[in-house]
Every structure is written in structure tokens, then in C-alpha cells.
C-alpha atoms as a PDB file:
ATOM      1  CA  UNK A   1      -3.332   7.125  28.368  1.00  0.00           C
ATOM      2  CA  UNK A   2      -5.175   5.945  25.403  1.00  0.00           C
ATOM      3  CA  UNK A   3      -6.202   7.998  22.179  1.00  0.00           C
ATOM      4  CA  UNK A   4      -9.553   8.102  20.920  1.00  0.00           C
ATOM      5  CA  UNK A   5      -9.724   5.437  17.930  1.00  0.00           C
ATOM      6  CA  UNK A   6     -11.877   8.078  15.639  1.00  0.00           C
ATOM      7  CA  UNK A   7      -9.082  10.744  16.167  1.00  0.00           C
ATOM      8  CA  UNK A   8      -6.382   8.430  15.544  1.00  0.00           C
ATOM      9  CA  UNK A   9      -7.873   7.714  12.062  1.00  0.00           C
ATOM     10  CA  UNK A  10      -7.963  11.139  11.014  1.00  0.00           C
ATOM     11  CA  UNK A  11      -4.354  12.197  12.334  1.00  0.00           C
ATOM     12  CA  UNK A  12      -1.359  12.131   9.495  1.00  0.00           C
ATOM     13  CA  UNK A  13       2.195  12.660   9.688  1.00  0.00           C
ATOM     14  CA  UNK A  14       2.621  16.448   8.919  1.00  0.00           C
ATOM     15  CA  UNK A  15       5.715  15.624   6.974  1.00  0.00           C
ATOM     16  CA  UNK A  16       4.720  12.737   4.684  1.00  0.00           C
ATOM     17  CA  UNK A  17       0.854  12.608   5.373  1.00  0.00           C
ATOM     18  CA  UNK A  18       1.085   9.084   6.215  1.00  0.00           C
ATOM     19  CA  UNK A  19      -0.365   6.934   8.862  1.00  0.00           C
ATOM     20  CA  UNK A  20       0.625   7.327  12.574  1.00  0.00           C
ATOM     21  CA  UNK A  21       0.174   4.914  15.230  1.00  0.00           C
ATOM     22  CA  UNK A  22      -0.128   5.234  19.150  1.00  0.00           C
ATOM     23  CA  UNK A  23       2.970   3.937  20.911  1.00  0.00           C
ATOM     24  CA  UNK A  24       2.365   3.545  24.880  1.00  0.00           C
ATOM     25  CA  UNK A  25       5.889   2.829  25.558  1.00  0.00           C
ATOM     26  CA  UNK A  26       7.039   6.159  23.908  1.00  0.00           C
ATOM     27  CA  UNK A  27       3.852   7.775  24.968  1.00  0.00           C
ATOM     28  CA  UNK A  28       3.232   9.433  21.438  1.00  0.00           C
ATOM     29  CA  UNK A  29       2.452   8.951  17.964  1.00  0.00           C
ATOM     30  CA  UNK A  30       4.683   7.454  15.583  1.00  0.00           C
ATOM     31  CA  UNK A  31       5.399   7.671  12.039  1.00  0.00           C
ATOM     32  CA  UNK A  32       6.976   4.687  10.845  1.00  0.00           C
ATOM     33  CA  UNK A  33       8.039   6.155   7.354  1.00  0.00           C
ATOM     34  CA  UNK A  34       9.746   9.238   8.738  1.00  0.00           C
ATOM     35  CA  UNK A  35      10.914   7.616  11.889  1.00  0.00           C
ATOM     36  CA  UNK A  36       9.401  10.288  14.204  1.00  0.00           C
ATOM     37  CA  UNK A  37       7.787  10.576  17.349  1.00  0.00           C
ATOM     38  CA  UNK A  38       5.168  13.111  17.955  1.00  0.00           C
ATOM     39  CA  UNK A  39       4.577  13.754  21.660  1.00  0.00           C
ATOM     40  CA  UNK A  40       1.277  14.127  23.484  1.00  0.00           C
ATOM     41  CA  UNK A  41       1.347  16.905  26.203  1.00  0.00           C
ATOM     42  CA  UNK A  42      -1.636  17.645  28.468  1.00  0.00           C
ATOM     43  CA  UNK A  43      -3.714  14.934  26.275  1.00  0.00           C
ATOM     44  CA  UNK A  44      -3.032  16.888  22.970  1.00  0.00           C
ATOM     45  CA  UNK A  45      -0.773  15.516  20.012  1.00  0.00           C
ATOM     46  CA  UNK A  46       1.678  17.793  19.360  1.00  0.00           C
ATOM     47  CA  UNK A  47       1.919  17.506  15.389  1.00  0.00           C
ATOM     48  CA  UNK A  48       4.501  19.807  14.652  1.00  0.00           C
ATOM     49  CA  UNK A  49       7.373  18.553  12.547  1.00  0.00           C
ATOM     50  CA  UNK A  50      10.121  20.589  14.490  1.00  0.00           C
ATOM     51  CA  UNK A  51       8.878  19.424  17.814  1.00  0.00           C
ATOM     52  CA  UNK A  52       9.005  15.875  16.686  1.00  0.00           C
ATOM     53  CA  UNK A  53      11.718  13.397  18.077  1.00  0.00           C
ATOM     54  CA  UNK A  54      13.748  11.354  15.698  1.00  0.00           C
ATOM     55  CA  UNK A  55      13.733   7.528  16.336  1.00  0.00           C
END
């Protein structure tokens, strides 16, 4: 699944408000600053800090 480029431009990490990037291998959005993976479920990014996985 590829994420819409426009959506990716406006999404930010809810913890640090930094940039997130699409990671196809992990199937989600990664914040390199916080080292968190935000999973995508049913084509919707789950941008909740308590739901994120630590990398």
C-alpha cells in the first residue's frame, strides 16, 4: 500500500511534531526522532502515541 503523497506531507508525529516517513517493510509511518512506528490499519494511519510501537 502506498500512502498518498499529499497526506504524507501533512502528517506529523504526535509526540514531537516532527516529520514521519512511509516504511513499506514495517507497513507504517516512522518517526526517526522518536523511534516510533505508527501502524496503518484498514488504510488509516493510527497516529496515537500509546498505540505506536518502539523501534
